[in-house]
Amino acid sequence: MMDRRLIIALLISCALLCCTAQAVTLRISVADEKTGSALADASIYVNGDYVGSTASDGTYSYVHAGTKDLSLKIVRNGYRNWVNYADYDATRIQVNMVREDRILEFELYDSGTLKPVVGAVVRVTGKDLSESRITDSSGSVGFPVKAGELYNAEIHASGYHDLSKTVQMENSDRVVQYWLFSSNLLAILVRDAETSAPIPG
């Protein structure tokens, strides 16, 4: 009889302990790895389920039972997905996201004939990049760059005036078109204000 009462008492004690277990709040802070800037609108997935997105200060608070580790996945446009585990009793975690590679493509044309400029040397410099490449038979050349970064381009082609441009990358691949002036001609090129395309006439 005594053993039975002892077992019942132990079961009741365990039940009370489970009922009084404290919930855990995990504060997730998401930032750009390079700049340290907070990243808003980053999607948060816990154990494969979408639970919400970060606020303007780059944070999100997730409340859970605190009984097992959490599988976290952070997704934001322009960045590589971040995947890791958080300990069951962790209250804070810092997520530093790496910008995703994008393609910056240059298309070069002769301002007079509008034909592609082949063999032009395009040098692109910016964060973590300093590289020169040559345009192909279509007058095009591409560079792997980071989303959201600013890049400087120096363009040199035999028989043409040199050209310097600054390109702001967004969260997707970008194609820029430029028309080169022959160094043997004095010409005035009128362009469309929105598209930068030459206006004939």
N, C-alpha and C. Protein backbone atom coordinates (compact mmCIF):
# COMPACT_ATOMS: atom_id res chain seq x y z
N MET A 1 0.83 -1.21 0.00
CA MET A 1 0.00 0.00 0.00
C MET A 1 0.86 1.25 0.00
N MET A 2 1.92 1.21 0.85
CA MET A 2 2.83 2.35 0.95
C MET A 2 3.53 2.58 -0.38
N ASP A 3 3.95 1.49 -1.05
CA ASP A 3 4.63 1.61 -2.34
C ASP A 3 3.72 2.25 -3.37
N ARG A 4 2.45 1.89 -3.32
CA ARG A 4 1.49 2.43 -4.29
C ARG A 4 1.33 3.93 -4.08
N ARG A 5 1.24 4.34 -2.80
CA ARG A 5 1.09 5.77 -2.51
C ARG A 5 2.34 6.55 -2.94
N LEU A 6 3.49 5.93 -2.76
CA LEU A 6 4.74 6.59 -3.14
C LEU A 6 4.81 6.79 -4.65
N ILE A 7 4.40 5.77 -5.38
CA ILE A 7 4.40 5.87 -6.84
C ILE A 7 3.46 6.97 -7.31
N ILE A 8 2.25 7.02 -6.69
CA ILE A 8 1.27 8.05 -7.06
C ILE A 8 1.82 9.44 -6.76
N ALA A 9 2.49 9.57 -5.62
CA ALA A 9 3.06 10.87 -5.24
C ALA A 9 4.14 11.31 -6.22
N LEU A 10 4.96 10.36 -6.66
CA LEU A 10 6.01 10.67 -7.62
C LEU A 10 5.42 11.10 -8.97
N LEU A 11 4.35 10.41 -9.38
CA LEU A 11 3.70 10.75 -10.64
C LEU A 11 3.10 12.15 -10.59
N ILE A 12 2.48 12.48 -9.45
CA ILE A 12 1.90 13.82 -9.29
C ILE A 12 2.99 14.88 -9.31
N SER A 13 4.13 14.59 -8.67
CA SER A 13 5.25 15.54 -8.63
C SER A 13 5.78 15.80 -10.04
N CYS A 14 5.91 14.73 -10.82
CA CYS A 14 6.41 14.88 -12.19
C CYS A 14 5.45 15.70 -13.03
N ALA A 15 4.15 15.46 -12.83
CA ALA A 15 3.14 16.22 -13.58
C ALA A 15 3.20 17.69 -13.23
N LEU A 16 3.38 17.98 -11.94
CA LEU A 16 3.47 19.38 -11.51
C LEU A 16 4.70 20.06 -12.09
N LEU A 17 5.81 19.32 -12.13
CA LEU A 17 7.03 19.89 -12.70
C LEU A 17 6.86 20.20 -14.18
N CYS A 18 6.18 19.32 -14.89
CA CYS A 18 5.95 19.55 -16.32
C CYS A 18 5.05 20.76 -16.54
N CYS A 19 4.05 20.90 -15.67
CA CYS A 19 3.11 22.01 -15.82
C CYS A 19 3.75 23.35 -15.53
N THR A 20 4.73 23.32 -14.62
CA THR A 20 5.35 24.59 -14.23
C THR A 20 6.60 24.91 -15.04
N ALA A 21 6.90 24.08 -16.09
CA ALA A 21 8.09 24.34 -16.91
C ALA A 21 7.95 25.70 -17.59
N GLN A 22 9.04 26.46 -17.59
CA GLN A 22 9.03 27.80 -18.16
C GLN A 22 9.21 27.76 -19.67
N ALA A 23 8.40 28.55 -20.36
CA ALA A 23 8.58 28.71 -21.80
C ALA A 23 9.85 29.52 -22.05
N VAL A 24 10.51 29.27 -23.18
CA VAL A 24 11.75 29.96 -23.52
C VAL A 24 11.50 30.90 -24.70
N THR A 25 12.00 32.13 -24.58
CA THR A 25 11.91 33.09 -25.68
C THR A 25 13.29 33.23 -26.33
N LEU A 26 13.37 32.86 -27.60
CA LEU A 26 14.62 32.97 -28.35
C LEU A 26 14.57 34.25 -29.19
N ARG A 27 15.49 35.16 -28.93
CA ARG A 27 15.56 36.41 -29.69
C ARG A 27 16.57 36.23 -30.82
N ILE A 28 16.09 36.32 -32.05
CA ILE A 28 16.91 36.13 -33.24
C ILE A 28 17.24 37.50 -33.83
N SER A 29 18.54 37.79 -33.97
CA SER A 29 18.98 39.06 -34.55
C SER A 29 19.67 38.78 -35.88
N VAL A 30 19.21 39.43 -36.95
CA VAL A 30 19.72 39.17 -38.29
C VAL A 30 20.38 40.43 -38.84
N ALA A 31 21.62 40.27 -39.35
CA ALA A 31 22.38 41.42 -39.85
C ALA A 31 23.20 41.04 -41.07
N ASP A 32 23.62 42.05 -41.83
CA ASP A 32 24.53 41.87 -42.96
C ASP A 32 25.92 41.55 -42.42
N GLU A 33 26.54 40.48 -42.95
CA GLU A 33 27.84 40.04 -42.44
C GLU A 33 28.91 41.12 -42.59
N LYS A 34 28.89 41.86 -43.70
CA LYS A 34 29.94 42.84 -43.98
C LYS A 34 29.73 44.15 -43.23
N THR A 35 28.51 44.69 -43.30
CA THR A 35 28.25 46.03 -42.75
C THR A 35 27.75 46.01 -41.32
N GLY A 36 27.19 44.88 -40.90
CA GLY A 36 26.60 44.81 -39.56
C GLY A 36 25.23 45.44 -39.48
N SER A 37 24.70 45.91 -40.62
CA SER A 37 23.39 46.56 -40.64
C SER A 37 22.28 45.54 -40.40
N ALA A 38 21.28 45.94 -39.61
CA ALA A 38 20.14 45.07 -39.33
C ALA A 38 19.36 44.79 -40.61
N LEU A 39 18.88 43.56 -40.76
CA LEU A 39 18.13 43.17 -41.96
C LEU A 39 16.67 42.92 -41.59
N ALA A 40 15.81 43.81 -42.07
CA ALA A 40 14.37 43.64 -41.86
C ALA A 40 13.80 42.69 -42.91
N ASP A 41 12.62 42.15 -42.63
CA ASP A 41 11.88 41.29 -43.57
C ASP A 41 12.60 40.00 -43.92
N ALA A 42 13.46 39.52 -43.03
CA ALA A 42 14.07 38.20 -43.22
C ALA A 42 13.09 37.15 -42.71
N SER A 43 12.80 36.15 -43.53
CA SER A 43 11.83 35.11 -43.16
C SER A 43 12.46 34.09 -42.21
N ILE A 44 11.73 33.75 -41.14
CA ILE A 44 12.22 32.82 -40.12
C ILE A 44 11.46 31.50 -40.22
N TYR A 45 12.22 30.41 -40.32
CA TYR A 45 11.63 29.07 -40.33
C TYR A 45 12.18 28.28 -39.14
N VAL A 46 11.28 27.66 -38.38
CA VAL A 46 11.67 26.84 -37.24
C VAL A 46 11.17 25.42 -37.47
N ASN A 47 12.09 24.47 -37.46
CA ASN A 47 11.77 23.06 -37.72
C ASN A 47 10.97 22.91 -39.02
N GLY A 48 11.34 23.72 -40.02
CA GLY A 48 10.73 23.63 -41.34
C GLY A 48 9.48 24.45 -41.54
N ASP A 49 8.95 25.06 -40.47
CA ASP A 49 7.71 25.84 -40.58
C ASP A 49 8.00 27.33 -40.53
N TYR A 50 7.33 28.10 -41.39
CA TYR A 50 7.47 29.56 -41.37
C TYR A 50 6.77 30.10 -40.14
N VAL A 51 7.47 30.95 -39.37
CA VAL A 51 6.88 31.48 -38.13
C VAL A 51 6.76 33.00 -38.14
N GLY A 52 7.44 33.69 -39.07
CA GLY A 52 7.35 35.14 -39.11
C GLY A 52 8.57 35.75 -39.77
N SER A 53 8.70 37.07 -39.69
CA SER A 53 9.83 37.78 -40.29
C SER A 53 10.37 38.84 -39.35
N THR A 54 11.61 39.24 -39.56
CA THR A 54 12.26 40.21 -38.68
C THR A 54 11.65 41.60 -38.84
N ALA A 55 11.69 42.35 -37.74
CA ALA A 55 11.17 43.72 -37.73
C ALA A 55 12.22 44.67 -38.31
N SER A 56 11.94 45.97 -38.23
CA SER A 56 12.85 46.97 -38.81
C SER A 56 14.22 46.96 -38.16
N ASP A 57 14.31 46.48 -36.91
CA ASP A 57 15.60 46.41 -36.23
C ASP A 57 16.30 45.06 -36.44
N GLY A 58 15.75 44.24 -37.34
CA GLY A 58 16.37 42.96 -37.67
C GLY A 58 16.17 41.85 -36.66
N THR A 59 15.21 42.00 -35.75
CA THR A 59 15.01 40.99 -34.71
C THR A 59 13.65 40.30 -34.83
N TYR A 60 13.61 39.09 -34.26
CA TYR A 60 12.36 38.34 -34.16
C TYR A 60 12.43 37.49 -32.89
N SER A 61 11.36 37.49 -32.11
CA SER A 61 11.32 36.72 -30.86
C SER A 61 10.40 35.52 -31.05
N TYR A 62 10.96 34.34 -30.77
CA TYR A 62 10.21 33.09 -30.93
C TYR A 62 10.07 32.41 -29.57
N VAL A 63 8.83 32.14 -29.17
CA VAL A 63 8.55 31.51 -27.88
C VAL A 63 8.26 30.03 -28.11
N HIS A 64 8.94 29.17 -27.32
CA HIS A 64 8.74 27.73 -27.47
C HIS A 64 8.84 27.05 -26.10
N ALA A 65 8.58 25.75 -26.08
CA ALA A 65 8.51 25.02 -24.81
C ALA A 65 9.86 24.83 -24.15
N GLY A 66 10.94 24.91 -24.91
CA GLY A 66 12.27 24.74 -24.33
C GLY A 66 12.61 23.31 -23.97
N THR A 67 12.06 22.37 -24.73
CA THR A 67 12.30 20.95 -24.43
C THR A 67 13.28 20.28 -25.39
N LYS A 68 13.51 20.90 -26.56
CA LYS A 68 14.46 20.31 -27.51
C LYS A 68 15.06 21.39 -28.40
N ASP A 69 16.20 21.05 -29.01
CA ASP A 69 16.89 22.00 -29.88
C ASP A 69 16.01 22.36 -31.09
N LEU A 70 16.28 23.55 -31.64
CA LEU A 70 15.48 24.04 -32.76
C LEU A 70 16.31 24.08 -34.04
N SER A 71 15.70 23.68 -35.13
CA SER A 71 16.32 23.80 -36.45
C SER A 71 15.88 25.14 -37.05
N LEU A 72 16.84 26.03 -37.32
CA LEU A 72 16.51 27.37 -37.82
C LEU A 72 16.95 27.54 -39.27
N LYS A 73 16.13 28.26 -40.02
CA LYS A 73 16.47 28.63 -41.39
C LYS A 73 16.04 30.08 -41.60
N ILE A 74 16.97 30.92 -42.06
CA ILE A 74 16.69 32.33 -42.29
C ILE A 74 16.83 32.60 -43.79
N VAL A 75 15.82 33.23 -44.37
CA VAL A 75 15.81 33.49 -45.82
C VAL A 75 15.54 34.97 -46.05
N ARG A 76 16.39 35.59 -46.88
CA ARG A 76 16.14 36.99 -47.27
C ARG A 76 16.63 37.21 -48.69
N ASN A 77 15.86 37.97 -49.44
CA ASN A 77 16.20 38.25 -50.83
C ASN A 77 17.55 38.94 -50.93
N GLY A 78 18.40 38.43 -51.83
CA GLY A 78 19.72 39.02 -52.02
C GLY A 78 20.80 38.41 -51.15
N TYR A 79 20.43 37.43 -50.31
CA TYR A 79 21.40 36.80 -49.40
C TYR A 79 21.31 35.29 -49.50
N ARG A 80 22.42 34.64 -49.16
CA ARG A 80 22.42 33.18 -49.08
C ARG A 80 21.61 32.74 -47.87
N ASN A 81 20.88 31.62 -48.02
CA ASN A 81 20.11 31.11 -46.90
C ASN A 81 21.03 30.73 -45.74
N TRP A 82 20.56 30.98 -44.53
CA TRP A 82 21.33 30.66 -43.32
C TRP A 82 20.61 29.52 -42.61
N VAL A 83 21.33 28.44 -42.32
CA VAL A 83 20.74 27.27 -41.67
C VAL A 83 21.63 26.83 -40.52
N ASN A 84 21.01 26.59 -39.35
CA ASN A 84 21.78 26.13 -38.19
C ASN A 84 20.81 25.66 -37.10
N TYR A 85 21.40 25.18 -35.99
CA TYR A 85 20.59 24.76 -34.85
C TYR A 85 20.76 25.73 -33.70
N ALA A 86 19.71 25.87 -32.89
CA ALA A 86 19.77 26.65 -31.66
C ALA A 86 19.50 25.71 -30.49
N ASP A 87 20.31 25.79 -29.45
CA ASP A 87 20.10 24.96 -28.26
C ASP A 87 18.72 25.22 -27.66
N TYR A 88 18.16 24.21 -27.05
CA TYR A 88 16.79 24.31 -26.51
C TYR A 88 16.63 25.41 -25.48
N ASP A 89 17.73 25.74 -24.76
CA ASP A 89 17.64 26.75 -23.71
C ASP A 89 18.25 28.09 -24.11
N ALA A 90 18.63 28.22 -25.38
CA ALA A 90 19.24 29.48 -25.84
C ALA A 90 18.20 30.60 -25.83
N THR A 91 18.63 31.80 -25.44
CA THR A 91 17.73 32.95 -25.42
C THR A 91 18.08 33.98 -26.48
N ARG A 92 19.29 33.90 -27.04
CA ARG A 92 19.71 34.83 -28.09
C ARG A 92 20.53 34.10 -29.14
N ILE A 93 20.39 34.54 -30.39
CA ILE A 93 21.24 34.01 -31.45
C ILE A 93 21.46 35.11 -32.48
N GLN A 94 22.71 35.26 -32.90
CA GLN A 94 23.07 36.27 -33.89
C GLN A 94 23.26 35.60 -35.25
N VAL A 95 22.56 36.09 -36.24
CA VAL A 95 22.64 35.54 -37.59
C VAL A 95 23.27 36.59 -38.51
N ASN A 96 24.45 36.29 -39.05
CA ASN A 96 25.13 37.19 -39.98
C ASN A 96 25.02 36.60 -41.39
N MET A 97 24.29 37.29 -42.25
CA MET A 97 24.00 36.75 -43.57
C MET A 97 24.97 37.28 -44.63
N VAL A 98 25.32 36.40 -45.56
CA VAL A 98 26.27 36.71 -46.63
C VAL A 98 25.50 37.05 -47.90
N ARG A 99 25.89 38.16 -48.54
CA ARG A 99 25.22 38.56 -49.78
C ARG A 99 25.41 37.50 -50.87
N GLU A 100 24.37 37.29 -51.62
CA GLU A 100 24.39 36.30 -52.69
C GLU A 100 25.06 36.87 -53.94
N ASP A 101 25.77 36.01 -54.66
CA ASP A 101 26.41 36.45 -55.91
C ASP A 101 25.36 36.74 -56.98
N ARG A 102 25.57 37.85 -57.70
CA ARG A 102 24.72 38.21 -58.83
C ARG A 102 25.62 38.46 -60.04
N ILE A 103 25.03 38.56 -61.21
CA ILE A 103 25.79 38.81 -62.44
C ILE A 103 25.55 40.24 -62.91
N LEU A 104 26.64 40.98 -63.06
CA LEU A 104 26.60 42.32 -63.66
C LEU A 104 27.13 42.18 -65.08
N GLU A 105 26.28 42.40 -66.06
CA GLU A 105 26.67 42.22 -67.47
C GLU A 105 26.70 43.55 -68.20
N PHE A 106 27.77 43.75 -68.96
CA PHE A 106 27.93 44.95 -69.77
C PHE A 106 27.68 44.61 -71.23
N GLU A 107 26.92 45.47 -71.92
CA GLU A 107 26.72 45.36 -73.36
C GLU A 107 27.20 46.67 -73.98
N LEU A 108 28.22 46.58 -74.85
CA LEU A 108 28.83 47.78 -75.43
C LEU A 108 28.54 47.87 -76.92
N TYR A 109 28.19 49.09 -77.37
CA TYR A 109 27.84 49.31 -78.77
C TYR A 109 28.55 50.54 -79.32
N ASP A 110 28.80 50.53 -80.62
CA ASP A 110 29.33 51.70 -81.32
C ASP A 110 28.20 52.73 -81.42
N SER A 111 28.46 53.96 -80.98
CA SER A 111 27.41 54.98 -80.95
C SER A 111 26.95 55.39 -82.34
N GLY A 112 27.79 55.18 -83.34
CA GLY A 112 27.41 55.55 -84.70
C GLY A 112 26.70 54.45 -85.44
N THR A 113 27.28 53.26 -85.42
CA THR A 113 26.71 52.14 -86.18
C THR A 113 25.76 51.29 -85.35
N LEU A 114 25.85 51.43 -84.02
CA LEU A 114 25.06 50.63 -83.07
C LEU A 114 25.43 49.15 -83.10
N LYS A 115 26.59 48.84 -83.71
CA LYS A 115 27.07 47.46 -83.71
C LYS A 115 27.81 47.17 -82.41
N PRO A 116 27.86 45.88 -81.99
CA PRO A 116 28.57 45.52 -80.76
C PRO A 116 30.05 45.87 -80.86
N VAL A 117 30.62 46.30 -79.74
CA VAL A 117 32.06 46.58 -79.68
C VAL A 117 32.75 45.33 -79.13
N VAL A 118 33.51 44.68 -79.99
CA VAL A 118 34.18 43.42 -79.63
C VAL A 118 35.60 43.72 -79.14
N GLY A 119 36.04 43.00 -78.10
CA GLY A 119 37.42 43.13 -77.63
C GLY A 119 37.67 44.31 -76.71
N ALA A 120 36.62 44.95 -76.22
CA ALA A 120 36.78 46.05 -75.27
C ALA A 120 37.18 45.50 -73.91
N VAL A 121 38.05 46.21 -73.21
CA VAL A 121 38.48 45.80 -71.87
C VAL A 121 37.61 46.52 -70.84
N VAL A 122 36.93 45.74 -70.02
CA VAL A 122 36.08 46.30 -68.96
C VAL A 122 36.70 45.92 -67.62
N ARG A 123 37.02 46.93 -66.83
CA ARG A 123 37.59 46.70 -65.50
C ARG A 123 36.55 47.11 -64.45
N VAL A 124 36.23 46.19 -63.56
CA VAL A 124 35.24 46.45 -62.52
C VAL A 124 35.91 46.35 -61.15
N THR A 125 35.71 47.38 -60.34
CA THR A 125 36.25 47.39 -58.97
C THR A 125 35.13 47.71 -57.99
N GLY A 126 35.25 47.14 -56.81
CA GLY A 126 34.26 47.35 -55.77
C GLY A 126 34.59 46.47 -54.59
N LYS A 127 33.63 46.26 -53.72
CA LYS A 127 33.86 45.46 -52.53
C LYS A 127 34.22 44.03 -52.92
N ASP A 128 35.41 43.60 -52.51
CA ASP A 128 35.90 42.24 -52.75
C ASP A 128 36.06 41.89 -54.23
N LEU A 129 36.19 42.91 -55.10
CA LEU A 129 36.35 42.62 -56.52
C LEU A 129 37.22 43.66 -57.20
N SER A 130 38.18 43.19 -57.99
CA SER A 130 38.99 44.03 -58.86
C SER A 130 39.42 43.14 -60.01
N GLU A 131 38.72 43.26 -61.13
CA GLU A 131 38.93 42.30 -62.22
C GLU A 131 38.68 42.95 -63.58
N SER A 132 39.43 42.50 -64.58
CA SER A 132 39.26 42.97 -65.96
C SER A 132 38.86 41.80 -66.85
N ARG A 133 37.92 42.06 -67.76
CA ARG A 133 37.50 41.05 -68.73
C ARG A 133 37.28 41.72 -70.08
N ILE A 134 37.20 40.91 -71.14
CA ILE A 134 37.09 41.41 -72.51
C ILE A 134 35.73 41.03 -73.10
N THR A 135 35.11 41.98 -73.81
CA THR A 135 33.81 41.70 -74.42
C THR A 135 33.93 40.67 -75.53
N ASP A 136 32.89 39.84 -75.67
CA ASP A 136 32.90 38.78 -76.67
C ASP A 136 32.33 39.27 -78.00
N SER A 137 31.99 38.34 -78.88
CA SER A 137 31.52 38.69 -80.23
C SER A 137 30.19 39.44 -80.23
N SER A 138 29.48 39.37 -79.11
CA SER A 138 28.21 40.10 -79.01
C SER A 138 28.38 41.43 -78.30
N GLY A 139 29.65 41.77 -77.97
CA GLY A 139 29.92 43.02 -77.26
C GLY A 139 29.58 42.96 -75.79
N SER A 140 29.45 41.74 -75.26
CA SER A 140 29.02 41.55 -73.87
C SER A 140 30.11 40.92 -73.01
N VAL A 141 30.05 41.21 -71.71
CA VAL A 141 30.93 40.57 -70.74
C VAL A 141 30.27 40.66 -69.37
N GLY A 142 30.40 39.58 -68.58
CA GLY A 142 29.74 39.54 -67.27
C GLY A 142 30.72 39.36 -66.13
N PHE A 143 30.31 39.84 -64.95
CA PHE A 143 31.11 39.73 -63.74
C PHE A 143 30.24 39.22 -62.59
N PRO A 144 30.77 38.29 -61.76
CA PRO A 144 30.04 37.89 -60.55
C PRO A 144 30.25 38.96 -59.47
N VAL A 145 29.16 39.51 -58.97
CA VAL A 145 29.24 40.58 -57.98
C VAL A 145 28.26 40.29 -56.83
N LYS A 146 28.26 41.15 -55.83
CA LYS A 146 27.37 41.00 -54.68
C LYS A 146 26.14 41.88 -54.82
N ALA A 147 25.00 41.34 -54.44
CA ALA A 147 23.76 42.12 -54.47
C ALA A 147 23.85 43.31 -53.53
N GLY A 148 23.31 44.44 -53.98
CA GLY A 148 23.25 45.62 -53.13
C GLY A 148 24.51 46.45 -53.05
N GLU A 149 25.58 46.04 -53.74
CA GLU A 149 26.85 46.76 -53.65
C GLU A 149 27.01 47.76 -54.81
N LEU A 150 27.94 48.70 -54.63
CA LEU A 150 28.24 49.71 -55.64
C LEU A 150 29.56 49.36 -56.32
N TYR A 151 29.59 49.43 -57.67
CA TYR A 151 30.79 49.07 -58.42
C TYR A 151 31.16 50.16 -59.42
N ASN A 152 32.48 50.31 -59.62
CA ASN A 152 33.00 51.25 -60.60
C ASN A 152 33.50 50.48 -61.82
N ALA A 153 33.19 51.00 -63.00
CA ALA A 153 33.59 50.34 -64.24
C ALA A 153 34.42 51.29 -65.10
N GLU A 154 35.57 50.80 -65.57
CA GLU A 154 36.42 51.53 -66.50
C GLU A 154 36.43 50.76 -67.81
N ILE A 155 36.01 51.42 -68.90
CA ILE A 155 35.88 50.75 -70.19
C ILE A 155 36.86 51.35 -71.19
N HIS A 156 37.66 50.48 -71.80
CA HIS A 156 38.66 50.92 -72.79
C HIS A 156 38.56 50.03 -74.02
N ALA A 157 38.40 50.67 -75.17
CA ALA A 157 38.36 49.93 -76.44
C ALA A 157 39.17 50.68 -77.48
N SER A 158 39.94 49.95 -78.25
CA SER A 158 40.77 50.56 -79.29
C SER A 158 39.91 51.32 -80.29
N GLY A 159 40.26 52.60 -80.53
CA GLY A 159 39.52 53.41 -81.48
C GLY A 159 38.33 54.13 -80.89
N TYR A 160 38.17 54.02 -79.55
CA TYR A 160 37.04 54.68 -78.89
C TYR A 160 37.53 55.48 -77.69
N HIS A 161 36.73 56.48 -77.31
CA HIS A 161 37.02 57.22 -76.09
C HIS A 161 36.76 56.32 -74.87
N ASP A 162 37.63 56.43 -73.85
CA ASP A 162 37.42 55.67 -72.63
C ASP A 162 36.14 56.13 -71.93
N LEU A 163 35.57 55.23 -71.16
CA LEU A 163 34.32 55.52 -70.46
C LEU A 163 34.40 55.04 -69.02
N SER A 164 33.95 55.86 -68.09
CA SER A 164 33.91 55.48 -66.67
C SER A 164 32.47 55.56 -66.18
N LYS A 165 32.02 54.52 -65.48
CA LYS A 165 30.65 54.47 -64.99
C LYS A 165 30.61 53.88 -63.58
N THR A 166 29.55 54.21 -62.86
CA THR A 166 29.28 53.63 -61.54
C THR A 166 27.96 52.88 -61.62
N VAL A 167 27.95 51.65 -61.13
CA VAL A 167 26.75 50.81 -61.21
C VAL A 167 26.34 50.36 -59.82
N GLN A 168 25.09 50.60 -59.48
CA GLN A 168 24.53 50.14 -58.20
C GLN A 168 23.78 48.83 -58.44
N MET A 169 24.24 47.76 -57.79
CA MET A 169 23.56 46.47 -57.92
C MET A 169 22.34 46.43 -57.00
N GLU A 170 21.32 45.72 -57.46
CA GLU A 170 20.12 45.51 -56.66
C GLU A 170 20.12 44.06 -56.20
N ASN A 171 18.95 43.48 -55.97
CA ASN A 171 18.89 42.10 -55.48
C ASN A 171 18.66 41.09 -56.60
N SER A 172 19.06 41.46 -57.81
CA SER A 172 18.92 40.56 -58.95
C SER A 172 20.04 40.84 -59.94
N ASP A 173 20.19 39.96 -60.93
CA ASP A 173 21.17 40.21 -61.98
C ASP A 173 20.85 41.52 -62.69
N ARG A 174 21.89 42.16 -63.26
CA ARG A 174 21.66 43.43 -63.93
C ARG A 174 22.45 43.50 -65.24
N VAL A 175 21.80 44.04 -66.27
CA VAL A 175 22.45 44.27 -67.56
C VAL A 175 22.48 45.78 -67.80
N VAL A 176 23.69 46.30 -68.10
CA VAL A 176 23.82 47.72 -68.42
C VAL A 176 24.35 47.85 -69.85
N GLN A 177 23.84 48.83 -70.58
CA GLN A 177 24.23 49.05 -71.97
C GLN A 177 24.88 50.43 -72.10
N TYR A 178 26.02 50.46 -72.81
CA TYR A 178 26.71 51.72 -73.04
C TYR A 178 27.08 51.84 -74.52
N TRP A 179 27.05 53.10 -75.02
CA TRP A 179 27.41 53.38 -76.40
C TRP A 179 28.72 54.16 -76.42
N LEU A 180 29.72 53.61 -77.10
CA LEU A 180 31.06 54.20 -77.12
C LEU A 180 31.23 55.11 -78.33
N PHE A 181 31.92 56.24 -78.10
CA PHE A 181 32.20 57.20 -79.17
C PHE A 181 33.54 56.89 -79.82
N SER A 182 33.57 56.91 -81.14
CA SER A 182 34.82 56.72 -81.87
C SER A 182 35.76 57.89 -81.58
N SER A 183 37.03 57.57 -81.39
CA SER A 183 38.02 58.62 -81.12
C SER A 183 38.37 59.41 -82.37
N ASN A 184 37.91 58.96 -83.53
CA ASN A 184 38.19 59.64 -84.80
C ASN A 184 37.09 60.61 -85.22
N LEU A 185 36.00 60.62 -84.46
CA LEU A 185 34.86 61.43 -84.84
C LEU A 185 34.47 62.38 -83.71
N LEU A 186 33.96 63.53 -84.10
CA LEU A 186 33.36 64.46 -83.15
C LEU A 186 31.86 64.37 -83.37
N ALA A 187 31.17 63.83 -82.41
CA ALA A 187 29.73 63.62 -82.59
C ALA A 187 28.98 63.97 -81.32
N ILE A 188 27.71 64.28 -81.52
CA ILE A 188 26.82 64.55 -80.39
C ILE A 188 25.76 63.45 -80.37
N LEU A 189 25.67 62.78 -79.26
CA LEU A 189 24.69 61.69 -79.13
C LEU A 189 23.57 62.13 -78.21
N VAL A 190 22.35 62.05 -78.71
CA VAL A 190 21.17 62.39 -77.90
C VAL A 190 20.54 61.09 -77.43
N ARG A 191 20.35 60.96 -76.11
CA ARG A 191 19.81 59.73 -75.55
C ARG A 191 18.45 59.97 -74.91
N ASP A 192 17.67 58.90 -74.83
CA ASP A 192 16.42 58.92 -74.10
C ASP A 192 16.73 59.06 -72.61
N ALA A 193 16.06 59.96 -71.91
CA ALA A 193 16.37 60.24 -70.50
C ALA A 193 16.12 59.06 -69.60
N GLU A 194 15.18 58.18 -69.96
CA GLU A 194 14.83 57.05 -69.09
C GLU A 194 15.63 55.80 -69.42
N THR A 195 15.77 55.50 -70.72
CA THR A 195 16.42 54.25 -71.12
C THR A 195 17.88 54.40 -71.49
N SER A 196 18.35 55.64 -71.71
CA SER A 196 19.71 55.93 -72.16
C SER A 196 19.99 55.45 -73.58
N ALA A 197 18.96 55.01 -74.28
CA ALA A 197 19.13 54.54 -75.66
C ALA A 197 19.30 55.73 -76.59
N PRO A 198 20.16 55.60 -77.64
CA PRO A 198 20.34 56.69 -78.60
C PRO A 198 19.04 57.02 -79.33
N ILE A 199 18.82 58.30 -79.57
CA ILE A 199 17.64 58.74 -80.32
C ILE A 199 18.08 59.08 -81.74
N PRO A 200 17.61 58.35 -82.75
CA PRO A 200 18.03 58.61 -84.13
C PRO A 200 17.46 59.93 -84.65
N GLY A 201 18.15 60.46 -85.68
CA GLY A 201 17.63 61.67 -86.30
C GLY A 201 18.65 62.79 -86.31
